[in-house]
Amino acid sequence: QVQLVESGGGFVQPGGSLKLSCAASGRTSMIDSMAWFRQAPGKEREFVSHIRWGDGATFVADSVKGRFTTSRDNANHTMYMHMNTLKLEDTADYYCAASHINTIYQGGYDYWGQGTQVTVSS
């Protein structure tokens, strides 16, 4: 089993920045990739970004490309997402997830965090 705990959400004005963290524990050796998903009020959960744990290769959704950057700290089993130039439409609950395969699809993720709320508002 893998346990995931997100942190770093909060309230920010448009154009501001936030950094999310996702700390993994348990059987971290089985993790092949991790990802961030988000769910805005009244909408379905959507993919935001992905990182391949071994080499750190990343892939992000077009909606956040150039604004959000995902990285990881292997030693501390932690994934980060730096969110810059935040927009009103970035308001959502953000979830991190871990998978034993390399995938960006929600169905491929077995382990999920509890979520952290990001609110972008003026």
PDB file of N, CA and C in Angstrom:
ATOM      1  N   GLN A   1       0.827  -1.188   0.000  1.00  0.00           N
ATOM      2  CA  GLN A   1       0.000   0.000   0.000  1.00  0.00           C
ATOM      3  C   GLN A   1       0.867   1.246   0.000  1.00  0.00           C
ATOM      4  N   VAL A   2       0.341   2.272  -0.595  1.00  0.00           N
ATOM      5  CA  VAL A   2       1.011   3.571  -0.636  1.00  0.00           C
ATOM      6  C   VAL A   2       0.062   4.602  -0.053  1.00  0.00           C
ATOM      7  N   GLN A   3       0.581   5.424   0.815  1.00  0.00           N
ATOM      8  CA  GLN A   3      -0.208   6.508   1.378  1.00  0.00           C
ATOM      9  C   GLN A   3       0.305   7.834   0.809  1.00  0.00           C
ATOM     10  N   LEU A   4      -0.632   8.723   0.496  1.00  0.00           N
ATOM     11  CA  LEU A   4      -0.288  10.010  -0.100  1.00  0.00           C
ATOM     12  C   LEU A   4      -0.932  11.129   0.705  1.00  0.00           C
ATOM     13  N   VAL A   5      -0.162  12.147   0.986  1.00  0.00           N
ATOM     14  CA  VAL A   5      -0.679  13.291   1.738  1.00  0.00           C
ATOM     15  C   VAL A   5      -0.294  14.566   1.004  1.00  0.00           C
ATOM     16  N   GLU A   6      -1.322  15.324   0.578  1.00  0.00           N
ATOM     17  CA  GLU A   6      -1.074  16.590  -0.105  1.00  0.00           C
ATOM     18  C   GLU A   6      -1.029  17.737   0.907  1.00  0.00           C
ATOM     19  N   SER A   7      -0.355  18.784   0.514  1.00  0.00           N
ATOM     20  CA  SER A   7      -0.347  20.013   1.306  1.00  0.00           C
ATOM     21  C   SER A   7      -0.036  21.180   0.382  1.00  0.00           C
ATOM     22  N   GLY A   8      -0.290  22.378   0.865  1.00  0.00           N
ATOM     23  CA  GLY A   8       0.101  23.566   0.116  1.00  0.00           C
ATOM     24  C   GLY A   8      -1.014  24.334  -0.545  1.00  0.00           C
ATOM     25  N   GLY A   9      -2.237  23.829  -0.490  1.00  0.00           N
ATOM     26  CA  GLY A   9      -3.341  24.562  -1.095  1.00  0.00           C
ATOM     27  C   GLY A   9      -3.648  25.824  -0.302  1.00  0.00           C
ATOM     28  N   GLY A  10      -4.528  26.629  -0.869  1.00  0.00           N
ATOM     29  CA  GLY A  10      -4.904  27.845  -0.173  1.00  0.00           C
ATOM     30  C   GLY A  10      -5.605  28.820  -1.084  1.00  0.00           C
ATOM     31  N   PHE A  11      -5.647  30.058  -0.621  1.00  0.00           N
ATOM     32  CA  PHE A  11      -6.318  31.131  -1.340  1.00  0.00           C
ATOM     33  C   PHE A  11      -5.262  32.032  -1.972  1.00  0.00           C
ATOM     34  N   VAL A  12      -5.482  32.375  -3.234  1.00  0.00           N
ATOM     35  CA  VAL A  12      -4.516  33.240  -3.915  1.00  0.00           C
ATOM     36  C   VAL A  12      -5.250  34.101  -4.930  1.00  0.00           C
ATOM     37  N   GLN A  13      -4.729  35.264  -5.190  1.00  0.00           N
ATOM     38  CA  GLN A  13      -5.330  36.147  -6.184  1.00  0.00           C
ATOM     39  C   GLN A  13      -4.884  35.755  -7.581  1.00  0.00           C
ATOM     40  N   PRO A  14      -5.656  36.113  -8.593  1.00  0.00           N
ATOM     41  CA  PRO A  14      -5.242  35.820  -9.973  1.00  0.00           C
ATOM     42  C   PRO A  14      -3.852  36.372 -10.251  1.00  0.00           C
ATOM     43  N   GLY A  15      -3.061  35.570 -10.926  1.00  0.00           N
ATOM     44  CA  GLY A  15      -1.684  35.943 -11.214  1.00  0.00           C
ATOM     45  C   GLY A  15      -0.703  35.494 -10.162  1.00  0.00           C
ATOM     46  N   GLY A  16      -1.205  35.015  -9.046  1.00  0.00           N
ATOM     47  CA  GLY A  16      -0.351  34.570  -7.959  1.00  0.00           C
ATOM     48  C   GLY A  16       0.189  33.166  -8.158  1.00  0.00           C
ATOM     49  N   SER A  17       0.903  32.688  -7.136  1.00  0.00           N
ATOM     50  CA  SER A  17       1.550  31.379  -7.203  1.00  0.00           C
ATOM     51  C   SER A  17       1.282  30.571  -5.945  1.00  0.00           C
ATOM     52  N   LEU A  18       1.309  29.278  -6.113  1.00  0.00           N
ATOM     53  CA  LEU A  18       1.217  28.340  -4.999  1.00  0.00           C
ATOM     54  C   LEU A  18       2.101  27.152  -5.316  1.00  0.00           C
ATOM     55  N   LYS A  19       2.529  26.460  -4.263  1.00  0.00           N
ATOM     56  CA  LYS A  19       3.291  25.226  -4.432  1.00  0.00           C
ATOM     57  C   LYS A  19       2.581  24.123  -3.668  1.00  0.00           C
ATOM     58  N   LEU A  20       2.223  23.071  -4.385  1.00  0.00           N
ATOM     59  CA  LEU A  20       1.616  21.903  -3.771  1.00  0.00           C
ATOM     60  C   LEU A  20       2.669  20.831  -3.558  1.00  0.00           C
ATOM     61  N   SER A  21       2.501  20.080  -2.481  1.00  0.00           N
ATOM     62  CA  SER A  21       3.383  18.953  -2.190  1.00  0.00           C
ATOM     63  C   SER A  21       2.553  17.709  -1.999  1.00  0.00           C
ATOM     64  N   CYS A  22       3.145  16.575  -2.324  1.00  0.00           N
ATOM     65  CA  CYS A  22       2.495  15.285  -2.121  1.00  0.00           C
ATOM     66  C   CYS A  22       3.551  14.334  -1.587  1.00  0.00           C
ATOM     67  N   ALA A  23       3.405  13.970  -0.331  1.00  0.00           N
ATOM     68  CA  ALA A  23       4.369  13.076   0.303  1.00  0.00           C
ATOM     69  C   ALA A  23       3.847  11.645   0.255  1.00  0.00           C
ATOM     70  N   ALA A  24       4.670  10.762  -0.256  1.00  0.00           N
ATOM     71  CA  ALA A  24       4.314   9.354  -0.353  1.00  0.00           C
ATOM     72  C   ALA A  24       5.007   8.566   0.751  1.00  0.00           C
ATOM     73  N   SER A  25       4.300   7.560   1.264  1.00  0.00           N
ATOM     74  CA  SER A  25       4.872   6.668   2.262  1.00  0.00           C
ATOM     75  C   SER A  25       4.338   5.270   2.028  1.00  0.00           C
ATOM     76  N   GLY A  26       4.908   4.318   2.728  1.00  0.00           N
ATOM     77  CA  GLY A  26       4.509   2.929   2.537  1.00  0.00           C
ATOM     78  C   GLY A  26       5.396   2.270   1.495  1.00  0.00           C
ATOM     79  N   ARG A  27       4.798   1.520   0.604  1.00  0.00           N
ATOM     80  CA  ARG A  27       5.561   0.779  -0.414  1.00  0.00           C
ATOM     81  C   ARG A  27       5.904   1.676  -1.604  1.00  0.00           C
ATOM     82  N   THR A  28       6.720   2.681  -1.342  1.00  0.00           N
ATOM     83  CA  THR A  28       7.051   3.657  -2.376  1.00  0.00           C
ATOM     84  C   THR A  28       7.870   3.052  -3.511  1.00  0.00           C
ATOM     85  N   SER A  29       8.512   1.928  -3.263  1.00  0.00           N
ATOM     86  CA  SER A  29       9.335   1.314  -4.309  1.00  0.00           C
ATOM     87  C   SER A  29       8.501   0.833  -5.488  1.00  0.00           C
ATOM     88  N   MET A  30       7.216   0.673  -5.288  1.00  0.00           N
ATOM     89  CA  MET A  30       6.351   0.201  -6.362  1.00  0.00           C
ATOM     90  C   MET A  30       5.854   1.328  -7.255  1.00  0.00           C
ATOM     91  N   ILE A  31       6.140   2.562  -6.905  1.00  0.00           N
ATOM     92  CA  ILE A  31       5.630   3.699  -7.677  1.00  0.00           C
ATOM     93  C   ILE A  31       6.425   3.856  -8.968  1.00  0.00           C
ATOM     94  N   ASP A  32       5.710   3.863 -10.082  1.00  0.00           N
ATOM     95  CA  ASP A  32       6.350   4.118 -11.371  1.00  0.00           C
ATOM     96  C   ASP A  32       6.083   5.556 -11.812  1.00  0.00           C
ATOM     97  N   SER A  33       4.907   6.042 -11.535  1.00  0.00           N
ATOM     98  CA  SER A  33       4.598   7.419 -11.893  1.00  0.00           C
ATOM     99  C   SER A  33       3.623   8.010 -10.889  1.00  0.00           C
ATOM    100  N   MET A  34       3.621   9.319 -10.844  1.00  0.00           N
ATOM    101  CA  MET A  34       2.676  10.056 -10.006  1.00  0.00           C
ATOM    102  C   MET A  34       2.064  11.167 -10.837  1.00  0.00           C
ATOM    103  N   ALA A  35       0.948  11.652 -10.377  1.00  0.00           N
ATOM    104  CA  ALA A  35       0.244  12.668 -11.154  1.00  0.00           C
ATOM    105  C   ALA A  35      -0.574  13.576 -10.242  1.00  0.00           C
ATOM    106  N   TRP A  36      -0.930  14.713 -10.809  1.00  0.00           N
ATOM    107  CA  TRP A  36      -1.881  15.620 -10.184  1.00  0.00           C
ATOM    108  C   TRP A  36      -3.145  15.643 -11.033  1.00  0.00           C
ATOM    109  N   PHE A  37      -4.265  15.556 -10.356  1.00  0.00           N
ATOM    110  CA  PHE A  37      -5.560  15.733 -10.980  1.00  0.00           C
ATOM    111  C   PHE A  37      -6.274  16.843 -10.211  1.00  0.00           C
ATOM    112  N   ARG A  38      -7.305  17.392 -10.813  1.00  0.00           N
ATOM    113  CA  ARG A  38      -8.074  18.407 -10.095  1.00  0.00           C
ATOM    114  C   ARG A  38      -9.554  18.274 -10.443  1.00  0.00           C
ATOM    115  N   GLN A  39     -10.368  18.724  -9.511  1.00  0.00           N
ATOM    116  CA  GLN A  39     -11.806  18.698  -9.730  1.00  0.00           C
ATOM    117  C   GLN A  39     -12.388  20.022  -9.287  1.00  0.00           C
ATOM    118  N   ALA A  40     -12.909  20.744 -10.252  1.00  0.00           N
ATOM    119  CA  ALA A  40     -13.551  22.015  -9.973  1.00  0.00           C
ATOM    120  C   ALA A  40     -15.010  21.769  -9.590  1.00  0.00           C
ATOM    121  N   PRO A  41     -15.616  22.697  -8.884  1.00  0.00           N
ATOM    122  CA  PRO A  41     -17.017  22.534  -8.486  1.00  0.00           C
ATOM    123  C   PRO A  41     -17.923  22.277  -9.686  1.00  0.00           C
ATOM    124  N   GLY A  42     -18.692  21.201  -9.603  1.00  0.00           N
ATOM    125  CA  GLY A  42     -19.633  20.880 -10.660  1.00  0.00           C
ATOM    126  C   GLY A  42     -19.032  20.254 -11.897  1.00  0.00           C
ATOM    127  N   LYS A  43     -17.736  19.949 -11.840  1.00  0.00           N
ATOM    128  CA  LYS A  43     -17.073  19.376 -13.010  1.00  0.00           C
ATOM    129  C   LYS A  43     -16.439  18.037 -12.657  1.00  0.00           C
ATOM    130  N   GLU A  44     -16.091  17.300 -13.691  1.00  0.00           N
ATOM    131  CA  GLU A  44     -15.436  16.027 -13.485  1.00  0.00           C
ATOM    132  C   GLU A  44     -13.951  16.252 -13.168  1.00  0.00           C
ATOM    133  N   ARG A  45     -13.377  15.291 -12.511  1.00  0.00           N
ATOM    134  CA  ARG A  45     -11.958  15.361 -12.208  1.00  0.00           C
ATOM    135  C   ARG A  45     -11.156  15.252 -13.507  1.00  0.00           C
ATOM    136  N   GLU A  46     -10.116  16.063 -13.627  1.00  0.00           N
ATOM    137  CA  GLU A  46      -9.333  16.087 -14.860  1.00  0.00           C
ATOM    138  C   GLU A  46      -7.848  15.989 -14.570  1.00  0.00           C
ATOM    139  N   PHE A  47      -7.122  15.518 -15.543  1.00  0.00           N
ATOM    140  CA  PHE A  47      -5.671  15.392 -15.455  1.00  0.00           C
ATOM    141  C   PHE A  47      -5.024  16.762 -15.509  1.00  0.00           C
ATOM    142  N   VAL A  48      -3.977  16.941 -14.688  1.00  0.00           N
ATOM    143  CA  VAL A  48      -3.219  18.194 -14.692  1.00  0.00           C
ATOM    144  C   VAL A  48      -1.768  17.950 -15.118  1.00  0.00           C
ATOM    145  N   SER A  49      -1.081  17.059 -14.401  1.00  0.00           N
ATOM    146  CA  SER A  49       0.313  16.812 -14.747  1.00  0.00           C
ATOM    147  C   SER A  49       0.735  15.440 -14.275  1.00  0.00           C
ATOM    148  N   HIS A  50       1.849  14.965 -14.840  1.00  0.00           N
ATOM    149  CA  HIS A  50       2.343  13.619 -14.591  1.00  0.00           C
ATOM    150  C   HIS A  50       3.863  13.666 -14.513  1.00  0.00           C
ATOM    151  N   ILE A  51       4.417  12.813 -13.655  1.00  0.00           N
ATOM    152  CA  ILE A  51       5.859  12.687 -13.607  1.00  0.00           C
ATOM    153  C   ILE A  51       6.235  11.220 -13.499  1.00  0.00           C
ATOM    154  N   ARG A  52       7.190  10.820 -14.321  1.00  0.00           N
ATOM    155  CA  ARG A  52       7.694   9.459 -14.268  1.00  0.00           C
ATOM    156  C   ARG A  52       8.773   9.422 -13.194  1.00  0.00           C
ATOM    157  N   TRP A  53       8.543   8.541 -12.218  1.00  0.00           N
ATOM    158  CA  TRP A  53       9.375   8.612 -11.035  1.00  0.00           C
ATOM    159  C   TRP A  53      10.850   8.336 -11.318  1.00  0.00           C
ATOM    160  N   GLY A  54      11.139   7.414 -12.218  1.00  0.00           N
ATOM    161  CA  GLY A  54      12.517   7.016 -12.441  1.00  0.00           C
ATOM    162  C   GLY A  54      13.396   8.118 -12.988  1.00  0.00           C
ATOM    163  N   ASP A  55      12.961   8.753 -14.072  1.00  0.00           N
ATOM    164  CA  ASP A  55      13.816   9.747 -14.710  1.00  0.00           C
ATOM    165  C   ASP A  55      13.301  11.176 -14.586  1.00  0.00           C
ATOM    166  N   GLY A  56      12.157  11.341 -13.933  1.00  0.00           N
ATOM    167  CA  GLY A  56      11.635  12.682 -13.726  1.00  0.00           C
ATOM    168  C   GLY A  56      10.984  13.321 -14.931  1.00  0.00           C
ATOM    169  N   ALA A  57      10.776  12.555 -15.985  1.00  0.00           N
ATOM    170  CA  ALA A  57      10.120  13.106 -17.171  1.00  0.00           C
ATOM    171  C   ALA A  57       8.696  13.525 -16.827  1.00  0.00           C
ATOM    172  N   THR A  58       8.289  14.658 -17.348  1.00  0.00           N
ATOM    173  CA  THR A  58       6.972  15.191 -17.008  1.00  0.00           C
ATOM    174  C   THR A  58       6.116  15.429 -18.247  1.00  0.00           C
ATOM    175  N   PHE A  59       4.833  15.499 -17.997  1.00  0.00           N
ATOM    176  CA  PHE A  59       3.856  15.807 -19.037  1.00  0.00           C
ATOM    177  C   PHE A  59       2.738  16.578 -18.371  1.00  0.00           C
ATOM    178  N   VAL A  60       2.327  17.676 -18.995  1.00  0.00           N
ATOM    179  CA  VAL A  60       1.278  18.482 -18.383  1.00  0.00           C
ATOM    180  C   VAL A  60       0.136  18.723 -19.366  1.00  0.00           C
ATOM    181  N   ALA A  61      -1.018  19.002 -18.828  1.00  0.00           N
ATOM    182  CA  ALA A  61      -2.181  19.309 -19.652  1.00  0.00           C
ATOM    183  C   ALA A  61      -1.987  20.656 -20.342  1.00  0.00           C
ATOM    184  N   ASP A  62      -2.576  20.801 -21.490  1.00  0.00           N
ATOM    185  CA  ASP A  62      -2.453  22.057 -22.249  1.00  0.00           C
ATOM    186  C   ASP A  62      -2.943  23.255 -21.446  1.00  0.00           C
ATOM    187  N   SER A  63      -3.931  23.038 -20.614  1.00  0.00           N
ATOM    188  CA  SER A  63      -4.528  24.144 -19.863  1.00  0.00           C
ATOM    189  C   SER A  63      -3.565  24.769 -18.854  1.00  0.00           C
ATOM    190  N   VAL A  64      -2.529  24.040 -18.481  1.00  0.00           N
ATOM    191  CA  VAL A  64      -1.586  24.557 -17.493  1.00  0.00           C
ATOM    192  C   VAL A  64      -0.164  24.649 -18.029  1.00  0.00           C
ATOM    193  N   LYS A  65       0.024  24.299 -19.264  1.00  0.00           N
ATOM    194  CA  LYS A  65       1.365  24.293 -19.857  1.00  0.00           C
ATOM    195  C   LYS A  65       1.970  25.695 -19.802  1.00  0.00           C
ATOM    196  N   GLY A  66       3.208  25.744 -19.361  1.00  0.00           N
ATOM    197  CA  GLY A  66       3.892  27.024 -19.241  1.00  0.00           C
ATOM    198  C   GLY A  66       3.627  27.733 -17.931  1.00  0.00           C
ATOM    199  N   ARG A  67       2.678  27.240 -17.155  1.00  0.00           N
ATOM    200  CA  ARG A  67       2.353  27.859 -15.866  1.00  0.00           C
ATOM    201  C   ARG A  67       2.634  26.935 -14.683  1.00  0.00           C
ATOM    202  N   PHE A  68       2.378  25.646 -14.852  1.00  0.00           N
ATOM    203  CA  PHE A  68       2.563  24.671 -13.777  1.00  0.00           C
ATOM    204  C   PHE A  68       3.788  23.802 -14.087  1.00  0.00           C
ATOM    205  N   THR A  69       4.577  23.548 -13.068  1.00  0.00           N
ATOM    206  CA  THR A  69       5.757  22.700 -13.215  1.00  0.00           C
ATOM    207  C   THR A  69       5.744  21.632 -12.129  1.00  0.00           C
ATOM    208  N   THR A  70       5.942  20.381 -12.543  1.00  0.00           N
ATOM    209  CA  THR A  70       5.950  19.275 -11.596  1.00  0.00           C
ATOM    210  C   THR A  70       7.355  18.735 -11.447  1.00  0.00           C
ATOM    211  N   SER A  71       7.722  18.422 -10.207  1.00  0.00           N
ATOM    212  CA  SER A  71       9.043  17.858  -9.927  1.00  0.00           C
ATOM    213  C   SER A  71       8.912  16.850  -8.805  1.00  0.00           C
ATOM    214  N   ARG A  72      10.019  16.152  -8.538  1.00  0.00           N
ATOM    215  CA  ARG A  72       9.965  15.203  -7.435  1.00  0.00           C
ATOM    216  C   ARG A  72      11.304  15.160  -6.708  1.00  0.00           C
ATOM    217  N   ASP A  73      11.220  14.757  -5.458  1.00  0.00           N
ATOM    218  CA  ASP A  73      12.396  14.556  -4.610  1.00  0.00           C
ATOM    219  C   ASP A  73      12.422  13.077  -4.279  1.00  0.00           C
ATOM    220  N   ASN A  74      13.298  12.374  -4.964  1.00  0.00           N
ATOM    221  CA  ASN A  74      13.355  10.919  -4.787  1.00  0.00           C
ATOM    222  C   ASN A  74      13.655  10.513  -3.352  1.00  0.00           C
ATOM    223  N   ALA A  75      14.596  11.206  -2.758  1.00  0.00           N
ATOM    224  CA  ALA A  75      15.044  10.823  -1.421  1.00  0.00           C
ATOM    225  C   ALA A  75      13.920  10.919  -0.392  1.00  0.00           C
ATOM    226  N   ASN A  76      13.054  11.919  -0.576  1.00  0.00           N
ATOM    227  CA  ASN A  76      11.976  12.129   0.383  1.00  0.00           C
ATOM    228  C   ASN A  76      10.625  11.651  -0.125  1.00  0.00           C
ATOM    229  N   HIS A  77      10.638  10.989  -1.294  1.00  0.00           N
ATOM    230  CA  HIS A  77       9.398  10.431  -1.863  1.00  0.00           C
ATOM    231  C   HIS A  77       8.300  11.481  -1.930  1.00  0.00           C
ATOM    232  N   THR A  78       8.657  12.650  -2.407  1.00  0.00           N
ATOM    233  CA  THR A  78       7.711  13.753  -2.457  1.00  0.00           C
ATOM    234  C   THR A  78       7.629  14.329  -3.862  1.00  0.00           C
ATOM    235  N   MET A  79       6.417  14.614  -4.288  1.00  0.00           N
ATOM    236  CA  MET A  79       6.173  15.259  -5.575  1.00  0.00           C
ATOM    237  C   MET A  79       5.703  16.680  -5.312  1.00  0.00           C
ATOM    238  N   TYR A  80       6.109  17.578  -6.172  1.00  0.00           N
ATOM    239  CA  TYR A  80       5.727  18.970  -6.032  1.00  0.00           C
ATOM    240  C   TYR A  80       5.064  19.474  -7.322  1.00  0.00           C
ATOM    241  N   MET A  81       4.258  20.506  -7.159  1.00  0.00           N
ATOM    242  CA  MET A  81       3.753  21.210  -8.327  1.00  0.00           C
ATOM    243  C   MET A  81       3.783  22.708  -8.034  1.00  0.00           C
ATOM    244  N   HIS A  82       4.614  23.392  -8.792  1.00  0.00           N
ATOM    245  CA  HIS A  82       4.683  24.840  -8.694  1.00  0.00           C
ATOM    246  C   HIS A  82       3.660  25.415  -9.665  1.00  0.00           C
ATOM    247  N   MET A  83       2.745  26.179  -9.136  1.00  0.00           N
ATOM    248  CA  MET A  83       1.676  26.753  -9.941  1.00  0.00           C
ATOM    249  C   MET A  83       1.872  28.261 -10.001  1.00  0.00           C
ATOM    250  N   ASN A  84       2.124  28.762 -11.194  1.00  0.00           N
ATOM    251  CA  ASN A  84       2.342  30.185 -11.392  1.00  0.00           C
ATOM    252  C   ASN A  84       1.248  30.769 -12.278  1.00  0.00           C
ATOM    253  N   THR A  85       1.134  32.078 -12.231  1.00  0.00           N
ATOM    254  CA  THR A  85       0.164  32.805 -13.056  1.00  0.00           C
ATOM    255  C   THR A  85      -1.216  32.154 -12.942  1.00  0.00           C
ATOM    256  N   LEU A  86      -1.640  31.941 -11.727  1.00  0.00           N
ATOM    257  CA  LEU A  86      -2.900  31.253 -11.486  1.00  0.00           C
ATOM    258  C   LEU A  86      -4.078  32.068 -11.999  1.00  0.00           C
ATOM    259  N   LYS A  87      -5.046  31.328 -12.517  1.00  0.00           N
ATOM    260  CA  LYS A  87      -6.249  31.919 -13.091  1.00  0.00           C
ATOM    261  C   LYS A  87      -7.475  31.500 -12.286  1.00  0.00           C
ATOM    262  N   LEU A  88      -8.545  32.233 -12.479  1.00  0.00           N
ATOM    263  CA  LEU A  88      -9.782  31.894 -11.769  1.00  0.00           C
ATOM    264  C   LEU A  88     -10.187  30.447 -12.037  1.00  0.00           C
ATOM    265  N   GLU A  89      -9.968  30.013 -13.267  1.00  0.00           N
ATOM    266  CA  GLU A  89     -10.399  28.661 -13.645  1.00  0.00           C
ATOM    267  C   GLU A  89      -9.507  27.559 -13.081  1.00  0.00           C
ATOM    268  N   ASP A  90      -8.454  27.929 -12.389  1.00  0.00           N
ATOM    269  CA  ASP A  90      -7.623  26.929 -11.717  1.00  0.00           C
ATOM    270  C   ASP A  90      -8.199  26.541 -10.354  1.00  0.00           C
ATOM    271  N   THR A  91      -9.236  27.227  -9.927  1.00  0.00           N
ATOM    272  CA  THR A  91      -9.875  26.901  -8.661  1.00  0.00           C
ATOM    273  C   THR A  91     -10.419  25.474  -8.700  1.00  0.00           C
ATOM    274  N   ALA A  92      -9.998  24.656  -7.749  1.00  0.00           N
ATOM    275  CA  ALA A  92     -10.388  23.246  -7.721  1.00  0.00           C
ATOM    276  C   ALA A  92      -9.799  22.581  -6.494  1.00  0.00           C
ATOM    277  N   ASP A  93     -10.257  21.369  -6.250  1.00  0.00           N
ATOM    278  CA  ASP A  93      -9.581  20.478  -5.313  1.00  0.00           C
ATOM    279  C   ASP A  93      -8.536  19.724  -6.111  1.00  0.00           C
ATOM    280  N   TYR A  94      -7.318  19.741  -5.612  1.00  0.00           N
ATOM    281  CA  TYR A  94      -6.203  19.097  -6.302  1.00  0.00           C
ATOM    282  C   TYR A  94      -5.838  17.805  -5.572  1.00  0.00           C
ATOM    283  N   TYR A  95      -5.702  16.740  -6.359  1.00  0.00           N
ATOM    284  CA  TYR A  95      -5.400  15.430  -5.814  1.00  0.00           C
ATOM    285  C   TYR A  95      -4.105  14.901  -6.416  1.00  0.00           C
ATOM    286  N   CYS A  96      -3.278  14.306  -5.586  1.00  0.00           N
ATOM    287  CA  CYS A  96      -2.142  13.593  -6.143  1.00  0.00           C
ATOM    288  C   CYS A  96      -2.483  12.102  -6.160  1.00  0.00           C
ATOM    289  N   ALA A  97      -1.833  11.406  -7.050  1.00  0.00           N
ATOM    290  CA  ALA A  97      -2.093   9.986  -7.226  1.00  0.00           C
ATOM    291  C   ALA A  97      -0.802   9.277  -7.605  1.00  0.00           C
ATOM    292  N   ALA A  98      -0.742   8.000  -7.280  1.00  0.00           N
ATOM    293  CA  ALA A  98       0.436   7.191  -7.585  1.00  0.00           C
ATOM    294  C   ALA A  98       0.011   5.920  -8.290  1.00  0.00           C
ATOM    295  N   SER A  99       0.886   5.480  -9.204  1.00  0.00           N
ATOM    296  CA  SER A  99       0.583   4.286  -9.978  1.00  0.00           C
ATOM    297  C   SER A  99       1.815   3.405 -10.095  1.00  0.00           C
ATOM    298  N   HIS A 100       1.591   2.112 -10.272  1.00  0.00           N
ATOM    299  CA  HIS A 100       2.702   1.195 -10.489  1.00  0.00           C
ATOM    300  C   HIS A 100       3.030   1.052 -11.973  1.00  0.00           C
ATOM    301  N   ILE A 101       2.291   1.827 -12.802  1.00  0.00           N
ATOM    302  CA  ILE A 101       2.587   1.855 -14.232  1.00  0.00           C
ATOM    303  C   ILE A 101       2.751   3.305 -14.664  1.00  0.00           C
ATOM    304  N   ASN A 102       3.238   3.485 -15.876  1.00  0.00           N
ATOM    305  CA  ASN A 102       3.432   4.819 -16.424  1.00  0.00           C
ATOM    306  C   ASN A 102       2.186   5.209 -17.207  1.00  0.00           C
ATOM    307  N   THR A 103       1.349   6.061 -16.648  1.00  0.00           N
ATOM    308  CA  THR A 103       0.088   6.412 -17.284  1.00  0.00           C
ATOM    309  C   THR A 103      -0.358   7.802 -16.866  1.00  0.00           C
ATOM    310  N   ILE A 104      -1.182   8.418 -17.694  1.00  0.00           N
ATOM    311  CA  ILE A 104      -1.793   9.702 -17.327  1.00  0.00           C
ATOM    312  C   ILE A 104      -3.289   9.542 -17.100  1.00  0.00           C
ATOM    313  N   TYR A 105      -3.787   8.333 -17.226  1.00  0.00           N
ATOM    314  CA  TYR A 105      -5.217   8.097 -17.121  1.00  0.00           C
ATOM    315  C   TYR A 105      -5.621   7.753 -15.695  1.00  0.00           C
ATOM    316  N   GLN A 106      -6.703   8.332 -15.248  1.00  0.00           N
ATOM    317  CA  GLN A 106      -7.127   8.171 -13.859  1.00  0.00           C
ATOM    318  C   GLN A 106      -7.295   6.716 -13.466  1.00  0.00           C
ATOM    319  N   GLY A 107      -7.816   5.934 -14.400  1.00  0.00           N
ATOM    320  CA  GLY A 107      -8.058   4.530 -14.106  1.00  0.00           C
ATOM    321  C   GLY A 107      -6.811   3.732 -13.777  1.00  0.00           C
ATOM    322  N   GLY A 108      -5.651   4.281 -14.165  1.00  0.00           N
ATOM    323  CA  GLY A 108      -4.404   3.591 -13.914  1.00  0.00           C
ATOM    324  C   GLY A 108      -3.802   3.893 -12.551  1.00  0.00           C
ATOM    325  N   TYR A 109      -4.449   4.782 -11.813  1.00  0.00           N
ATOM    326  CA  TYR A 109      -3.913   5.182 -10.518  1.00  0.00           C
ATOM    327  C   TYR A 109      -4.626   4.452  -9.397  1.00  0.00           C
ATOM    328  N   ASP A 110      -3.841   3.791  -8.584  1.00  0.00           N
ATOM    329  CA  ASP A 110      -4.382   2.968  -7.512  1.00  0.00           C
ATOM    330  C   ASP A 110      -4.462   3.701  -6.183  1.00  0.00           C
ATOM    331  N   TYR A 111      -3.634   4.705  -6.025  1.00  0.00           N
ATOM    332  CA  TYR A 111      -3.524   5.369  -4.741  1.00  0.00           C
ATOM    333  C   TYR A 111      -3.750   6.874  -4.920  1.00  0.00           C
ATOM    334  N   TRP A 112      -4.549   7.411  -4.000  1.00  0.00           N
ATOM    335  CA  TRP A 112      -4.941   8.807  -4.092  1.00  0.00           C
ATOM    336  C   TRP A 112      -4.784   9.497  -2.745  1.00  0.00           C
ATOM    337  N   GLY A 113      -4.436  10.760  -2.803  1.00  0.00           N
ATOM    338  CA  GLY A 113      -4.427  11.564  -1.596  1.00  0.00           C
ATOM    339  C   GLY A 113      -5.827  12.075  -1.288  1.00  0.00           C
ATOM    340  N   GLN A 114      -5.923  12.803  -0.202  1.00  0.00           N
ATOM    341  CA  GLN A 114      -7.225  13.276   0.261  1.00  0.00           C
ATOM    342  C   GLN A 114      -7.645  14.570  -0.427  1.00  0.00           C
ATOM    343  N   GLY A 115      -6.717  15.200  -1.104  1.00  0.00           N
ATOM    344  CA  GLY A 115      -7.019  16.426  -1.829  1.00  0.00           C
ATOM    345  C   GLY A 115      -6.665  17.665  -1.040  1.00  0.00           C
ATOM    346  N   THR A 116      -6.332  18.716  -1.762  1.00  0.00           N
ATOM    347  CA  THR A 116      -6.069  20.012  -1.140  1.00  0.00           C
ATOM    348  C   THR A 116      -6.746  21.079  -1.998  1.00  0.00           C
ATOM    349  N   GLN A 117      -7.374  22.027  -1.360  1.00  0.00           N
ATOM    350  CA  GLN A 117      -8.187  23.008  -2.074  1.00  0.00           C
ATOM    351  C   GLN A 117      -7.351  24.202  -2.499  1.00  0.00           C
ATOM    352  N   VAL A 118      -7.533  24.601  -3.746  1.00  0.00           N
ATOM    353  CA  VAL A 118      -6.908  25.806  -4.280  1.00  0.00           C
ATOM    354  C   VAL A 118      -8.018  26.738  -4.736  1.00  0.00           C
ATOM    355  N   THR A 119      -8.031  27.931  -4.207  1.00  0.00           N
ATOM    356  CA  THR A 119      -9.036  28.919  -4.586  1.00  0.00           C
ATOM    357  C   THR A 119      -8.337  30.144  -5.141  1.00  0.00           C
ATOM    358  N   VAL A 120      -8.671  30.478  -6.387  1.00  0.00           N
ATOM    359  CA  VAL A 120      -8.115  31.665  -7.033  1.00  0.00           C
ATOM    360  C   VAL A 120      -9.244  32.674  -7.160  1.00  0.00           C
ATOM    361  N   SER A 121      -9.083  33.772  -6.493  1.00  0.00           N
ATOM    362  CA  SER A 121     -10.168  34.760  -6.474  1.00  0.00           C
ATOM    363  C   SER A 121      -9.616  36.137  -6.159  1.00  0.00           C
ATOM    364  N   SER A 122     -10.260  37.141  -6.726  1.00  0.00           N
ATOM    365  CA  SER A 122      -9.857  38.508  -6.425  1.00  0.00           C
ATOM    366  C   SER A 122     -10.716  39.077  -5.291  1.00  0.00           C
TER     367      SER A 122
END
